[in-house]
Amino acid sequence: MMAGRAGIVLAHGRRPDSASRPHPRHAPAGAGNQRLHHRWEQFTARKKRTVVANVTVARELARWRWSLATIED
């Protein structure tokens, strides 16, 4: 039996159908990742110190994750 990224893998190496479908809350994850990366690149392009860019993006990431965690089904 093999372990995969989703955690549950059947004996024949495939994930169950429910594990292969993304949860609706995970849909904005890719777009949010790109947005935060772009934000970090903007800071570094403006010659901001990397520690300032990192802290700003980390704060924004924390707020974004909180908003995802508090979405009601």
PDB file of N, CA and C in Angstrom:
ATOM      1  N   MET A   1       0.838  -1.177   0.000  1.00  0.00           N
ATOM      2  CA  MET A   1       0.000   0.000   0.000  1.00  0.00           C
ATOM      3  C   MET A   1       0.882   1.239   0.000  1.00  0.00           C
ATOM      4  N   MET A   2       0.537   2.217  -0.813  1.00  0.00           N
ATOM      5  CA  MET A   2       1.350   3.419  -0.944  1.00  0.00           C
ATOM      6  C   MET A   2       0.610   4.612  -0.349  1.00  0.00           C
ATOM      7  N   ALA A   3       1.340   5.542   0.236  1.00  0.00           N
ATOM      8  CA  ALA A   3       0.743   6.774   0.752  1.00  0.00           C
ATOM      9  C   ALA A   3       0.947   7.874  -0.276  1.00  0.00           C
ATOM     10  N   GLY A   4      -0.056   8.654  -0.515  1.00  0.00           N
ATOM     11  CA  GLY A   4       0.028   9.739  -1.473  1.00  0.00           C
ATOM     12  C   GLY A   4      -0.134  11.078  -0.795  1.00  0.00           C
ATOM     13  N   ARG A   5      -0.195  12.112  -1.587  1.00  0.00           N
ATOM     14  CA  ARG A   5      -0.333  13.453  -1.039  1.00  0.00           C
ATOM     15  C   ARG A   5      -1.655  13.632  -0.307  1.00  0.00           C
ATOM     16  N   ALA A   6      -2.707  13.043  -0.804  1.00  0.00           N
ATOM     17  CA  ALA A   6      -4.008  13.199  -0.155  1.00  0.00           C
ATOM     18  C   ALA A   6      -4.119  12.315   1.074  1.00  0.00           C
ATOM     19  N   GLY A   7      -3.181  11.422   1.267  1.00  0.00           N
ATOM     20  CA  GLY A   7      -3.179  10.583   2.447  1.00  0.00           C
ATOM     21  C   GLY A   7      -3.759   9.209   2.206  1.00  0.00           C
ATOM     22  N   ILE A   8      -4.940   9.132   1.650  1.00  0.00           N
ATOM     23  CA  ILE A   8      -5.599   7.849   1.456  1.00  0.00           C
ATOM     24  C   ILE A   8      -5.332   7.358   0.043  1.00  0.00           C
ATOM     25  N   VAL A   9      -4.767   6.179  -0.033  1.00  0.00           N
ATOM     26  CA  VAL A   9      -4.523   5.555  -1.333  1.00  0.00           C
ATOM     27  C   VAL A   9      -4.974   4.109  -1.226  1.00  0.00           C
ATOM     28  N   LEU A  10      -5.685   3.663  -2.226  1.00  0.00           N
ATOM     29  CA  LEU A  10      -6.151   2.290  -2.232  1.00  0.00           C
ATOM     30  C   LEU A  10      -4.997   1.335  -2.511  1.00  0.00           C
ATOM     31  N   ALA A  11      -5.224   0.061  -2.280  1.00  0.00           N
ATOM     32  CA  ALA A  11      -4.180  -0.942  -2.444  1.00  0.00           C
ATOM     33  C   ALA A  11      -3.615  -0.965  -3.859  1.00  0.00           C
ATOM     34  N   HIS A  12      -4.410  -0.619  -4.856  1.00  0.00           N
ATOM     35  CA  HIS A  12      -3.927  -0.649  -6.232  1.00  0.00           C
ATOM     36  C   HIS A  12      -3.268   0.662  -6.645  1.00  0.00           C
ATOM     37  N   GLY A  13      -3.021   1.571  -5.674  1.00  0.00           N
ATOM     38  CA  GLY A  13      -2.263   2.779  -5.950  1.00  0.00           C
ATOM     39  C   GLY A  13      -3.074   3.976  -6.409  1.00  0.00           C
ATOM     40  N   ARG A  14      -4.394   3.859  -6.449  1.00  0.00           N
ATOM     41  CA  ARG A  14      -5.225   4.989  -6.875  1.00  0.00           C
ATOM     42  C   ARG A  14      -5.964   5.568  -5.679  1.00  0.00           C
ATOM     43  N   ARG A  15      -6.241   6.839  -5.742  1.00  0.00           N
ATOM     44  CA  ARG A  15      -7.015   7.483  -4.698  1.00  0.00           C
ATOM     45  C   ARG A  15      -8.495   7.219  -4.932  1.00  0.00           C
ATOM     46  N   PRO A  16      -9.281   7.186  -3.876  1.00  0.00           N
ATOM     47  CA  PRO A  16     -10.722   7.077  -4.076  1.00  0.00           C
ATOM     48  C   PRO A  16     -11.247   8.334  -4.768  1.00  0.00           C
ATOM     49  N   ASP A  17     -12.377   8.223  -5.435  1.00  0.00           N
ATOM     50  CA  ASP A  17     -12.930   9.347  -6.192  1.00  0.00           C
ATOM     51  C   ASP A  17     -13.117  10.586  -5.339  1.00  0.00           C
ATOM     52  N   SER A  18     -13.555  10.429  -4.105  1.00  0.00           N
ATOM     53  CA  SER A  18     -13.809  11.596  -3.264  1.00  0.00           C
ATOM     54  C   SER A  18     -12.516  12.344  -2.948  1.00  0.00           C
ATOM     55  N   ALA A  19     -11.389  11.665  -2.888  1.00  0.00           N
ATOM     56  CA  ALA A  19     -10.121  12.320  -2.590  1.00  0.00           C
ATOM     57  C   ALA A  19      -9.558  13.041  -3.803  1.00  0.00           C
ATOM     58  N   SER A  20      -9.942  12.632  -5.010  1.00  0.00           N
ATOM     59  CA  SER A  20      -9.400  13.261  -6.204  1.00  0.00           C
ATOM     60  C   SER A  20     -10.131  14.551  -6.565  1.00  0.00           C
ATOM     61  N   ARG A  21     -11.321  14.753  -6.043  1.00  0.00           N
ATOM     62  CA  ARG A  21     -12.057  15.992  -6.305  1.00  0.00           C
ATOM     63  C   ARG A  21     -11.673  17.033  -5.272  1.00  0.00           C
ATOM     64  N   PRO A  22     -11.291  18.233  -5.702  1.00  0.00           N
ATOM     65  CA  PRO A  22     -10.931  19.271  -4.732  1.00  0.00           C
ATOM     66  C   PRO A  22     -12.161  19.781  -3.986  1.00  0.00           C
ATOM     67  N   HIS A  23     -11.953  20.130  -2.751  1.00  0.00           N
ATOM     68  CA  HIS A  23     -13.017  20.702  -1.935  1.00  0.00           C
ATOM     69  C   HIS A  23     -13.291  22.117  -2.440  1.00  0.00           C
ATOM     70  N   PRO A  24     -14.536  22.587  -2.413  1.00  0.00           N
ATOM     71  CA  PRO A  24     -14.839  23.933  -2.908  1.00  0.00           C
ATOM     72  C   PRO A  24     -14.030  25.037  -2.226  1.00  0.00           C
ATOM     73  N   ARG A  25     -13.639  24.835  -0.979  1.00  0.00           N
ATOM     74  CA  ARG A  25     -12.832  25.843  -0.295  1.00  0.00           C
ATOM     75  C   ARG A  25     -11.432  25.947  -0.875  1.00  0.00           C
ATOM     76  N   HIS A  26     -10.961  24.906  -1.537  1.00  0.00           N
ATOM     77  CA  HIS A  26      -9.605  24.898  -2.062  1.00  0.00           C
ATOM     78  C   HIS A  26      -9.504  25.545  -3.433  1.00  0.00           C
ATOM     79  N   ALA A  27     -10.625  25.877  -4.024  1.00  0.00           N
ATOM     80  CA  ALA A  27     -10.616  26.443  -5.369  1.00  0.00           C
ATOM     81  C   ALA A  27      -9.811  27.738  -5.475  1.00  0.00           C
ATOM     82  N   PRO A  28      -9.945  28.678  -4.542  1.00  0.00           N
ATOM     83  CA  PRO A  28      -9.191  29.929  -4.681  1.00  0.00           C
ATOM     84  C   PRO A  28      -7.729  29.820  -4.265  1.00  0.00           C
ATOM     85  N   ALA A  29      -7.275  28.652  -3.868  1.00  0.00           N
ATOM     86  CA  ALA A  29      -5.912  28.512  -3.340  1.00  0.00           C
ATOM     87  C   ALA A  29      -4.847  28.856  -4.379  1.00  0.00           C
ATOM     88  N   GLY A  30      -4.990  28.358  -5.586  1.00  0.00           N
ATOM     89  CA  GLY A  30      -3.990  28.631  -6.615  1.00  0.00           C
ATOM     90  C   GLY A  30      -3.918  30.107  -6.962  1.00  0.00           C
ATOM     91  N   ALA A  31      -5.069  30.733  -7.095  1.00  0.00           N
ATOM     92  CA  ALA A  31      -5.100  32.161  -7.414  1.00  0.00           C
ATOM     93  C   ALA A  31      -4.505  32.980  -6.270  1.00  0.00           C
ATOM     94  N   GLY A  32      -4.797  32.594  -5.050  1.00  0.00           N
ATOM     95  CA  GLY A  32      -4.247  33.305  -3.899  1.00  0.00           C
ATOM     96  C   GLY A  32      -2.745  33.149  -3.806  1.00  0.00           C
ATOM     97  N   ASN A  33      -2.263  31.961  -4.109  1.00  0.00           N
ATOM     98  CA  ASN A  33      -0.824  31.714  -4.112  1.00  0.00           C
ATOM     99  C   ASN A  33      -0.120  32.613  -5.117  1.00  0.00           C
ATOM    100  N   GLN A  34      -0.663  32.690  -6.307  1.00  0.00           N
ATOM    101  CA  GLN A  34      -0.066  33.526  -7.347  1.00  0.00           C
ATOM    102  C   GLN A  34      -0.117  34.998  -6.963  1.00  0.00           C
ATOM    103  N   ARG A  35      -1.225  35.417  -6.365  1.00  0.00           N
ATOM    104  CA  ARG A  35      -1.371  36.814  -5.964  1.00  0.00           C
ATOM    105  C   ARG A  35      -0.331  37.197  -4.917  1.00  0.00           C
ATOM    106  N   LEU A  36      -0.138  36.325  -3.921  1.00  0.00           N
ATOM    107  CA  LEU A  36       0.844  36.617  -2.885  1.00  0.00           C
ATOM    108  C   LEU A  36       2.271  36.608  -3.436  1.00  0.00           C
ATOM    109  N   HIS A  37       2.546  35.689  -4.340  1.00  0.00           N
ATOM    110  CA  HIS A  37       3.877  35.654  -4.942  1.00  0.00           C
ATOM    111  C   HIS A  37       4.131  36.919  -5.747  1.00  0.00           C
ATOM    112  N   HIS A  38       3.128  37.355  -6.493  1.00  0.00           N
ATOM    113  CA  HIS A  38       3.247  38.579  -7.277  1.00  0.00           C
ATOM    114  C   HIS A  38       3.469  39.778  -6.355  1.00  0.00           C
ATOM    115  N   ARG A  39       2.767  39.782  -5.243  1.00  0.00           N
ATOM    116  CA  ARG A  39       2.923  40.872  -4.260  1.00  0.00           C
ATOM    117  C   ARG A  39       4.357  40.899  -3.730  1.00  0.00           C
ATOM    118  N   TRP A  40       4.926  39.738  -3.419  1.00  0.00           N
ATOM    119  CA  TRP A  40       6.297  39.665  -2.931  1.00  0.00           C
ATOM    120  C   TRP A  40       7.275  40.153  -3.997  1.00  0.00           C
ATOM    121  N   GLU A  41       7.041  39.759  -5.240  1.00  0.00           N
ATOM    122  CA  GLU A  41       7.906  40.210  -6.332  1.00  0.00           C
ATOM    123  C   GLU A  41       7.842  41.723  -6.515  1.00  0.00           C
ATOM    124  N   GLN A  42       6.661  42.314  -6.318  1.00  0.00           N
ATOM    125  CA  GLN A  42       6.536  43.766  -6.423  1.00  0.00           C
ATOM    126  C   GLN A  42       7.387  44.465  -5.364  1.00  0.00           C
ATOM    127  N   PHE A  43       7.363  43.938  -4.156  1.00  0.00           N
ATOM    128  CA  PHE A  43       8.164  44.529  -3.087  1.00  0.00           C
ATOM    129  C   PHE A  43       9.654  44.453  -3.407  1.00  0.00           C
ATOM    130  N   THR A  44      10.098  43.298  -3.855  1.00  0.00           N
ATOM    131  CA  THR A  44      11.530  43.157  -4.138  1.00  0.00           C
ATOM    132  C   THR A  44      11.940  43.975  -5.364  1.00  0.00           C
ATOM    133  N   ALA A  45      11.040  44.153  -6.324  1.00  0.00           N
ATOM    134  CA  ALA A  45      11.349  44.976  -7.495  1.00  0.00           C
ATOM    135  C   ALA A  45      11.504  46.446  -7.105  1.00  0.00           C
ATOM    136  N   ARG A  46      10.789  46.841  -6.051  1.00  0.00           N
ATOM    137  CA  ARG A  46      10.906  48.229  -5.572  1.00  0.00           C
ATOM    138  C   ARG A  46      12.050  48.393  -4.583  1.00  0.00           C
ATOM    139  N   LYS A  47      12.905  47.363  -4.500  1.00  0.00           N
ATOM    140  CA  LYS A  47      14.102  47.385  -3.651  1.00  0.00           C
ATOM    141  C   LYS A  47      13.781  47.492  -2.160  1.00  0.00           C
ATOM    142  N   LYS A  48      12.633  46.941  -1.770  1.00  0.00           N
ATOM    143  CA  LYS A  48      12.318  46.860  -0.339  1.00  0.00           C
ATOM    144  C   LYS A  48      13.178  45.758   0.257  1.00  0.00           C
ATOM    145  N   ARG A  49      13.474  45.878   1.526  1.00  0.00           N
ATOM    146  CA  ARG A  49      14.234  44.821   2.189  1.00  0.00           C
ATOM    147  C   ARG A  49      13.409  43.545   2.168  1.00  0.00           C
ATOM    148  N   THR A  50      14.084  42.419   2.009  1.00  0.00           N
ATOM    149  CA  THR A  50      13.359  41.147   1.907  1.00  0.00           C
ATOM    150  C   THR A  50      12.593  40.840   3.189  1.00  0.00           C
ATOM    151  N   VAL A  51      13.115  41.263   4.335  1.00  0.00           N
ATOM    152  CA  VAL A  51      12.403  40.993   5.582  1.00  0.00           C
ATOM    153  C   VAL A  51      11.075  41.756   5.615  1.00  0.00           C
ATOM    154  N   VAL A  52      11.044  42.954   5.072  1.00  0.00           N
ATOM    155  CA  VAL A  52       9.801  43.729   5.010  1.00  0.00           C
ATOM    156  C   VAL A  52       8.814  43.058   4.066  1.00  0.00           C
ATOM    157  N   ALA A  53       9.299  42.612   2.910  1.00  0.00           N
ATOM    158  CA  ALA A  53       8.439  41.925   1.952  1.00  0.00           C
ATOM    159  C   ALA A  53       7.892  40.637   2.550  1.00  0.00           C
ATOM    160  N   ASN A  54       8.749  39.881   3.236  1.00  0.00           N
ATOM    161  CA  ASN A  54       8.316  38.612   3.826  1.00  0.00           C
ATOM    162  C   ASN A  54       7.249  38.824   4.893  1.00  0.00           C
ATOM    163  N   VAL A  55       7.454  39.799   5.761  1.00  0.00           N
ATOM    164  CA  VAL A  55       6.488  40.051   6.837  1.00  0.00           C
ATOM    165  C   VAL A  55       5.159  40.525   6.269  1.00  0.00           C
ATOM    166  N   THR A  56       5.210  41.404   5.289  1.00  0.00           N
ATOM    167  CA  THR A  56       3.968  41.906   4.690  1.00  0.00           C
ATOM    168  C   THR A  56       3.187  40.786   4.029  1.00  0.00           C
ATOM    169  N   VAL A  57       3.863  39.949   3.271  1.00  0.00           N
ATOM    170  CA  VAL A  57       3.191  38.841   2.595  1.00  0.00           C
ATOM    171  C   VAL A  57       2.705  37.817   3.620  1.00  0.00           C
ATOM    172  N   ALA A  58       3.465  37.589   4.675  1.00  0.00           N
ATOM    173  CA  ALA A  58       3.039  36.637   5.714  1.00  0.00           C
ATOM    174  C   ALA A  58       1.775  37.119   6.411  1.00  0.00           C
ATOM    175  N   ARG A  59       1.702  38.411   6.689  1.00  0.00           N
ATOM    176  CA  ARG A  59       0.484  38.957   7.300  1.00  0.00           C
ATOM    177  C   ARG A  59      -0.716  38.788   6.377  1.00  0.00           C
ATOM    178  N   GLU A  60      -0.496  39.083   5.109  1.00  0.00           N
ATOM    179  CA  GLU A  60      -1.583  38.937   4.143  1.00  0.00           C
ATOM    180  C   GLU A  60      -2.001  37.482   4.003  1.00  0.00           C
ATOM    181  N   LEU A  61      -1.023  36.579   4.024  1.00  0.00           N
ATOM    182  CA  LEU A  61      -1.317  35.149   3.959  1.00  0.00           C
ATOM    183  C   LEU A  61      -2.135  34.707   5.168  1.00  0.00           C
ATOM    184  N   ALA A  62      -1.773  35.187   6.349  1.00  0.00           N
ATOM    185  CA  ALA A  62      -2.516  34.830   7.557  1.00  0.00           C
ATOM    186  C   ALA A  62      -3.960  35.319   7.474  1.00  0.00           C
ATOM    187  N   ARG A  63      -4.159  36.523   7.002  1.00  0.00           N
ATOM    188  CA  ARG A  63      -5.534  37.047   6.851  1.00  0.00           C
ATOM    189  C   ARG A  63      -6.324  36.239   5.822  1.00  0.00           C
ATOM    190  N   TRP A  64      -5.653  35.895   4.728  1.00  0.00           N
ATOM    191  CA  TRP A  64      -6.323  35.141   3.667  1.00  0.00           C
ATOM    192  C   TRP A  64      -6.711  33.747   4.161  1.00  0.00           C
ATOM    193  N   ARG A  65      -5.800  33.102   4.892  1.00  0.00           N
ATOM    194  CA  ARG A  65      -6.115  31.771   5.429  1.00  0.00           C
ATOM    195  C   ARG A  65      -7.244  31.837   6.441  1.00  0.00           C
ATOM    196  N   TRP A  66      -7.249  32.885   7.255  1.00  0.00           N
ATOM    197  CA  TRP A  66      -8.336  33.050   8.224  1.00  0.00           C
ATOM    198  C   TRP A  66      -9.671  33.191   7.490  1.00  0.00           C
ATOM    199  N   SER A  67      -9.672  33.951   6.402  1.00  0.00           N
ATOM    200  CA  SER A  67     -10.913  34.141   5.662  1.00  0.00           C
ATOM    201  C   SER A  67     -11.387  32.806   5.064  1.00  0.00           C
ATOM    202  N   LEU A  68     -10.449  31.970   4.596  1.00  0.00           N
ATOM    203  CA  LEU A  68     -10.828  30.669   4.052  1.00  0.00           C
ATOM    204  C   LEU A  68     -11.354  29.749   5.151  1.00  0.00           C
ATOM    205  N   ALA A  69     -10.758  29.837   6.332  1.00  0.00           N
ATOM    206  CA  ALA A  69     -11.153  28.961   7.429  1.00  0.00           C
ATOM    207  C   ALA A  69     -12.526  29.327   7.983  1.00  0.00           C
ATOM    208  N   THR A  70     -12.922  30.576   7.825  1.00  0.00           N
ATOM    209  CA  THR A  70     -14.201  30.992   8.402  1.00  0.00           C
ATOM    210  C   THR A  70     -15.338  31.020   7.383  1.00  0.00           C
ATOM    211  N   ILE A  71     -15.096  30.529   6.169  1.00  0.00           N
ATOM    212  CA  ILE A  71     -16.166  30.425   5.183  1.00  0.00           C
ATOM    213  C   ILE A  71     -17.165  29.375   5.647  1.00  0.00           C
ATOM    214  N   GLU A  72     -18.407  29.746   5.634  1.00  0.00           N
ATOM    215  CA  GLU A  72     -19.439  28.784   6.030  1.00  0.00           C
ATOM    216  C   GLU A  72     -19.838  27.940   4.832  1.00  0.00           C
ATOM    217  N   ASP A  73     -20.109  26.672   5.091  1.00  0.00           N
ATOM    218  CA  ASP A  73     -20.507  25.764   4.005  1.00  0.00           C
ATOM    219  C   ASP A  73     -21.884  26.055   3.496  1.00  0.00           C
TER     220      ASP A  73
END
